Amino acid sequence: MKFSTLIGTLFLSAASAGTAFAAQQTVTLAVDNMTCSTCPYTVKKALNQVLGVENATVSYEEKSATVTFEDAEASVADLTAATTNAGYPSRLASEKTKQAQ
């Protein structure tokens, strides 16, 4: 009985340790080449196809995209690559990290 309790405890500890360092991150990207009011739809679609992206809001007026994602699954480089591949090069403008609980 004690052995199975020990194994169960170790399993739960190992399972939770992998997610202990994951964090939700929100970044704002400066997006180039948005020349009309329909461009943000293309940028948003490209960002939402990146694994780990939870939300993307794109502003034509501000020429920016605010993206919330899990940093264990995606990176800023993944996001900028997605917009660049869609024809809209982007770069990091600001970021905010929230530790997962």
N, C-alpha and C. Protein backbone atom coordinates (compact mmCIF):
# COMPACT_ATOMS: atom_id res chain seq x y z
N MET A 1 0.82 -1.18 0.00
CA MET A 1 0.00 0.00 0.00
C MET A 1 0.87 1.26 0.00
N LYS A 2 1.91 1.26 0.83
CA LYS A 2 2.78 2.43 0.90
C LYS A 2 3.50 2.65 -0.43
N PHE A 3 3.87 1.55 -1.08
CA PHE A 3 4.58 1.66 -2.36
C PHE A 3 3.69 2.32 -3.41
N SER A 4 2.43 1.91 -3.49
CA SER A 4 1.54 2.50 -4.49
C SER A 4 1.24 3.97 -4.17
N THR A 5 1.19 4.33 -2.91
CA THR A 5 1.00 5.73 -2.53
C THR A 5 2.22 6.55 -2.94
N LEU A 6 3.40 5.99 -2.73
CA LEU A 6 4.64 6.66 -3.12
C LEU A 6 4.69 6.86 -4.63
N ILE A 7 4.37 5.82 -5.38
CA ILE A 7 4.37 5.91 -6.84
C ILE A 7 3.37 6.97 -7.30
N GLY A 8 2.18 6.98 -6.72
CA GLY A 8 1.16 7.96 -7.08
C GLY A 8 1.61 9.38 -6.80
N THR A 9 2.25 9.58 -5.66
CA THR A 9 2.75 10.90 -5.29
C THR A 9 3.85 11.35 -6.25
N LEU A 10 4.76 10.45 -6.58
CA LEU A 10 5.83 10.79 -7.51
C LEU A 10 5.28 11.12 -8.90
N PHE A 11 4.29 10.37 -9.33
CA PHE A 11 3.68 10.61 -10.64
C PHE A 11 3.03 11.99 -10.68
N LEU A 12 2.26 12.32 -9.65
CA LEU A 12 1.60 13.63 -9.61
C LEU A 12 2.61 14.76 -9.53
N SER A 13 3.68 14.56 -8.79
CA SER A 13 4.72 15.59 -8.69
C SER A 13 5.39 15.81 -10.04
N ALA A 14 5.69 14.74 -10.73
CA ALA A 14 6.35 14.84 -12.03
C ALA A 14 5.41 15.49 -13.05
N ALA A 15 4.14 15.15 -13.01
CA ALA A 15 3.18 15.70 -13.95
C ALA A 15 2.99 17.20 -13.74
N SER A 16 2.96 17.63 -12.51
CA SER A 16 2.76 19.05 -12.25
C SER A 16 4.04 19.86 -12.44
N ALA A 17 5.18 19.22 -12.33
CA ALA A 17 6.46 19.93 -12.48
C ALA A 17 6.63 20.45 -13.90
N GLY A 18 6.14 19.72 -14.88
CA GLY A 18 6.28 20.14 -16.27
C GLY A 18 5.52 21.41 -16.58
N THR A 19 4.43 21.65 -15.89
CA THR A 19 3.64 22.84 -16.16
C THR A 19 3.93 23.98 -15.19
N ALA A 20 4.77 23.74 -14.21
CA ALA A 20 5.04 24.76 -13.20
C ALA A 20 5.72 25.99 -13.79
N PHE A 21 6.48 25.81 -14.86
CA PHE A 21 7.21 26.92 -15.43
C PHE A 21 6.55 27.50 -16.68
N ALA A 22 5.42 26.94 -17.07
CA ALA A 22 4.69 27.49 -18.21
C ALA A 22 4.04 28.79 -17.78
N ALA A 23 4.00 29.71 -18.70
CA ALA A 23 3.39 31.00 -18.38
C ALA A 23 2.57 31.48 -19.56
N GLN A 24 1.52 32.18 -19.23
CA GLN A 24 0.73 32.84 -20.26
C GLN A 24 1.41 34.17 -20.53
N GLN A 25 1.63 34.46 -21.76
CA GLN A 25 2.34 35.68 -22.13
C GLN A 25 1.47 36.48 -23.09
N THR A 26 1.47 37.79 -22.93
CA THR A 26 0.78 38.68 -23.85
C THR A 26 1.81 39.63 -24.43
N VAL A 27 1.84 39.68 -25.75
CA VAL A 27 2.78 40.57 -26.44
C VAL A 27 2.02 41.46 -27.41
N THR A 28 2.60 42.59 -27.67
CA THR A 28 2.09 43.45 -28.73
C THR A 28 3.14 43.49 -29.82
N LEU A 29 2.69 43.20 -31.03
CA LEU A 29 3.57 43.22 -32.19
C LEU A 29 3.27 44.45 -33.03
N ALA A 30 4.29 45.10 -33.52
CA ALA A 30 4.13 46.15 -34.52
C ALA A 30 4.09 45.43 -35.87
N VAL A 31 3.03 45.66 -36.64
CA VAL A 31 2.81 44.91 -37.88
C VAL A 31 2.91 45.85 -39.07
N ASP A 32 3.77 45.49 -40.02
CA ASP A 32 3.96 46.28 -41.23
C ASP A 32 3.07 45.77 -42.36
N ASN A 33 2.93 46.59 -43.39
CA ASN A 33 2.24 46.26 -44.64
C ASN A 33 0.72 46.16 -44.53
N MET A 34 0.12 46.57 -43.43
CA MET A 34 -1.34 46.59 -43.37
C MET A 34 -1.79 47.88 -44.05
N THR A 35 -2.35 47.73 -45.25
CA THR A 35 -2.70 48.91 -46.05
C THR A 35 -4.20 49.13 -46.20
N CYS A 36 -5.00 48.19 -45.73
CA CYS A 36 -6.45 48.36 -45.83
C CYS A 36 -7.13 47.74 -44.62
N SER A 37 -8.42 48.00 -44.48
CA SER A 37 -9.14 47.55 -43.28
C SER A 37 -9.38 46.04 -43.25
N THR A 38 -9.12 45.32 -44.34
CA THR A 38 -9.28 43.87 -44.32
C THR A 38 -7.98 43.13 -43.96
N CYS A 39 -6.87 43.83 -43.99
CA CYS A 39 -5.57 43.20 -43.65
C CYS A 39 -5.57 42.57 -42.25
N PRO A 40 -6.15 43.20 -41.24
CA PRO A 40 -6.13 42.60 -39.91
C PRO A 40 -6.75 41.20 -39.84
N TYR A 41 -7.71 40.92 -40.70
CA TYR A 41 -8.31 39.58 -40.70
C TYR A 41 -7.29 38.53 -41.10
N THR A 42 -6.47 38.86 -42.09
CA THR A 42 -5.43 37.93 -42.53
C THR A 42 -4.38 37.73 -41.44
N VAL A 43 -3.98 38.82 -40.80
CA VAL A 43 -2.98 38.74 -39.72
C VAL A 43 -3.53 37.92 -38.56
N LYS A 44 -4.77 38.17 -38.18
CA LYS A 44 -5.39 37.44 -37.06
C LYS A 44 -5.49 35.95 -37.38
N LYS A 45 -5.88 35.62 -38.60
CA LYS A 45 -5.98 34.22 -39.00
C LYS A 45 -4.62 33.53 -38.91
N ALA A 46 -3.57 34.21 -39.36
CA ALA A 46 -2.22 33.64 -39.31
C ALA A 46 -1.78 33.41 -37.86
N LEU A 47 -2.06 34.37 -37.00
CA LEU A 47 -1.67 34.23 -35.59
C LEU A 47 -2.44 33.13 -34.90
N ASN A 48 -3.73 33.03 -35.17
CA ASN A 48 -4.55 32.00 -34.52
C ASN A 48 -4.19 30.59 -34.96
N GLN A 49 -3.46 30.46 -36.05
CA GLN A 49 -3.03 29.13 -36.50
C GLN A 49 -1.77 28.65 -35.79
N VAL A 50 -1.13 29.52 -35.01
CA VAL A 50 0.07 29.14 -34.26
C VAL A 50 -0.37 28.37 -33.01
N LEU A 51 0.19 27.18 -32.82
CA LEU A 51 -0.11 26.36 -31.66
C LEU A 51 0.22 27.13 -30.38
N GLY A 52 -0.74 27.19 -29.45
CA GLY A 52 -0.52 27.88 -28.19
C GLY A 52 -1.13 29.26 -28.11
N VAL A 53 -1.54 29.81 -29.25
CA VAL A 53 -2.17 31.14 -29.24
C VAL A 53 -3.58 31.00 -28.70
N GLU A 54 -3.89 31.80 -27.69
CA GLU A 54 -5.21 31.77 -27.07
C GLU A 54 -6.10 32.90 -27.60
N ASN A 55 -5.50 34.04 -27.91
CA ASN A 55 -6.28 35.17 -28.38
C ASN A 55 -5.38 36.10 -29.19
N ALA A 56 -5.93 36.64 -30.27
CA ALA A 56 -5.20 37.62 -31.07
C ALA A 56 -6.17 38.74 -31.44
N THR A 57 -5.76 39.96 -31.17
CA THR A 57 -6.53 41.14 -31.54
C THR A 57 -5.64 42.01 -32.41
N VAL A 58 -6.12 42.35 -33.59
CA VAL A 58 -5.31 43.10 -34.54
C VAL A 58 -5.98 44.45 -34.83
N SER A 59 -5.19 45.50 -34.80
CA SER A 59 -5.70 46.85 -35.05
C SER A 59 -5.08 47.44 -36.31
N TYR A 60 -5.92 47.75 -37.27
CA TYR A 60 -5.45 48.41 -38.49
C TYR A 60 -4.98 49.83 -38.17
N GLU A 61 -5.74 50.52 -37.34
CA GLU A 61 -5.42 51.91 -37.01
C GLU A 61 -4.06 52.03 -36.32
N GLU A 62 -3.78 51.11 -35.41
CA GLU A 62 -2.51 51.15 -34.67
C GLU A 62 -1.41 50.34 -35.32
N LYS A 63 -1.75 49.62 -36.39
CA LYS A 63 -0.78 48.75 -37.07
C LYS A 63 -0.11 47.81 -36.08
N SER A 64 -0.95 47.17 -35.25
CA SER A 64 -0.41 46.30 -34.20
C SER A 64 -1.30 45.07 -34.00
N ALA A 65 -0.73 44.10 -33.32
CA ALA A 65 -1.45 42.89 -32.92
C ALA A 65 -1.09 42.59 -31.48
N THR A 66 -2.11 42.34 -30.67
CA THR A 66 -1.89 41.93 -29.29
C THR A 66 -2.26 40.46 -29.21
N VAL A 67 -1.30 39.65 -28.76
CA VAL A 67 -1.46 38.20 -28.78
C VAL A 67 -1.21 37.61 -27.40
N THR A 68 -2.13 36.77 -26.94
CA THR A 68 -1.95 36.03 -25.69
C THR A 68 -1.71 34.57 -26.06
N PHE A 69 -0.65 33.99 -25.48
CA PHE A 69 -0.28 32.63 -25.83
C PHE A 69 0.43 31.96 -24.66
N GLU A 70 0.51 30.64 -24.72
CA GLU A 70 1.25 29.85 -23.74
C GLU A 70 2.69 29.75 -24.21
N ASP A 71 3.62 30.26 -23.40
CA ASP A 71 5.00 30.29 -23.85
C ASP A 71 5.68 28.92 -23.88
N ALA A 72 5.03 27.91 -23.33
CA ALA A 72 5.57 26.55 -23.43
C ALA A 72 5.27 25.96 -24.82
N GLU A 73 4.31 26.55 -25.53
CA GLU A 73 3.91 26.03 -26.83
C GLU A 73 4.30 26.93 -27.99
N ALA A 74 4.49 28.20 -27.75
CA ALA A 74 4.80 29.15 -28.82
C ALA A 74 5.81 30.17 -28.31
N SER A 75 6.41 30.86 -29.25
CA SER A 75 7.37 31.91 -28.91
C SER A 75 7.05 33.15 -29.75
N VAL A 76 7.66 34.25 -29.39
CA VAL A 76 7.50 35.47 -30.17
C VAL A 76 7.99 35.24 -31.60
N ALA A 77 9.05 34.47 -31.74
CA ALA A 77 9.58 34.15 -33.07
C ALA A 77 8.54 33.40 -33.91
N ASP A 78 7.77 32.50 -33.27
CA ASP A 78 6.71 31.79 -33.99
C ASP A 78 5.64 32.77 -34.47
N LEU A 79 5.31 33.74 -33.63
CA LEU A 79 4.28 34.71 -33.98
C LEU A 79 4.74 35.61 -35.12
N THR A 80 5.96 36.13 -35.01
CA THR A 80 6.45 37.01 -36.07
C THR A 80 6.65 36.25 -37.37
N ALA A 81 7.03 34.99 -37.28
CA ALA A 81 7.16 34.17 -38.50
C ALA A 81 5.80 33.98 -39.16
N ALA A 82 4.77 33.77 -38.36
CA ALA A 82 3.42 33.56 -38.90
C ALA A 82 2.93 34.80 -39.64
N THR A 83 3.13 35.98 -39.06
CA THR A 83 2.67 37.19 -39.75
C THR A 83 3.52 37.48 -40.98
N THR A 84 4.82 37.26 -40.86
CA THR A 84 5.72 37.49 -42.00
C THR A 84 5.37 36.57 -43.16
N ASN A 85 5.10 35.29 -42.85
CA ASN A 85 4.73 34.34 -43.90
C ASN A 85 3.41 34.69 -44.56
N ALA A 86 2.56 35.44 -43.86
CA ALA A 86 1.28 35.88 -44.42
C ALA A 86 1.43 37.20 -45.18
N GLY A 87 2.66 37.75 -45.20
CA GLY A 87 2.90 38.98 -45.94
C GLY A 87 2.92 40.24 -45.10
N TYR A 88 2.93 40.06 -43.78
CA TYR A 88 2.89 41.20 -42.85
C TYR A 88 4.02 41.07 -41.83
N PRO A 89 5.22 41.52 -42.17
CA PRO A 89 6.33 41.42 -41.22
C PRO A 89 5.98 42.13 -39.91
N SER A 90 6.41 41.55 -38.80
CA SER A 90 6.13 42.15 -37.49
C SER A 90 7.34 42.04 -36.60
N ARG A 91 7.31 42.82 -35.54
CA ARG A 91 8.38 42.80 -34.54
C ARG A 91 7.77 43.08 -33.18
N LEU A 92 8.45 42.67 -32.15
CA LEU A 92 7.97 42.84 -30.78
C LEU A 92 7.93 44.32 -30.41
N ALA A 93 6.78 44.77 -29.91
CA ALA A 93 6.65 46.14 -29.43
C ALA A 93 6.64 46.17 -27.90
N SER A 94 5.94 45.20 -27.26
CA SER A 94 5.93 45.10 -25.80
C SER A 94 5.46 43.72 -25.39
N GLU A 95 5.75 43.34 -24.13
CA GLU A 95 5.35 42.03 -23.64
C GLU A 95 5.01 42.07 -22.16
N LYS A 96 4.17 41.09 -21.76
CA LYS A 96 3.76 40.94 -20.36
C LYS A 96 3.61 39.44 -20.10
N THR A 97 4.21 38.95 -19.02
CA THR A 97 4.15 37.52 -18.68
C THR A 97 3.36 37.33 -17.41
N LYS A 98 2.50 36.31 -17.42
CA LYS A 98 1.74 35.95 -16.22
C LYS A 98 2.03 34.48 -15.94
N GLN A 99 2.59 34.18 -14.77
CA GLN A 99 2.95 32.81 -14.41
C GLN A 99 1.70 31.96 -14.28
N ALA A 100 1.72 30.77 -14.86
CA ALA A 100 0.61 29.83 -14.76
C ALA A 100 0.51 29.31 -13.34
N GLN A 101 -0.70 29.02 -12.90
CA GLN A 101 -0.90 28.52 -11.54
C GLN A 101 -1.47 27.14 -11.54
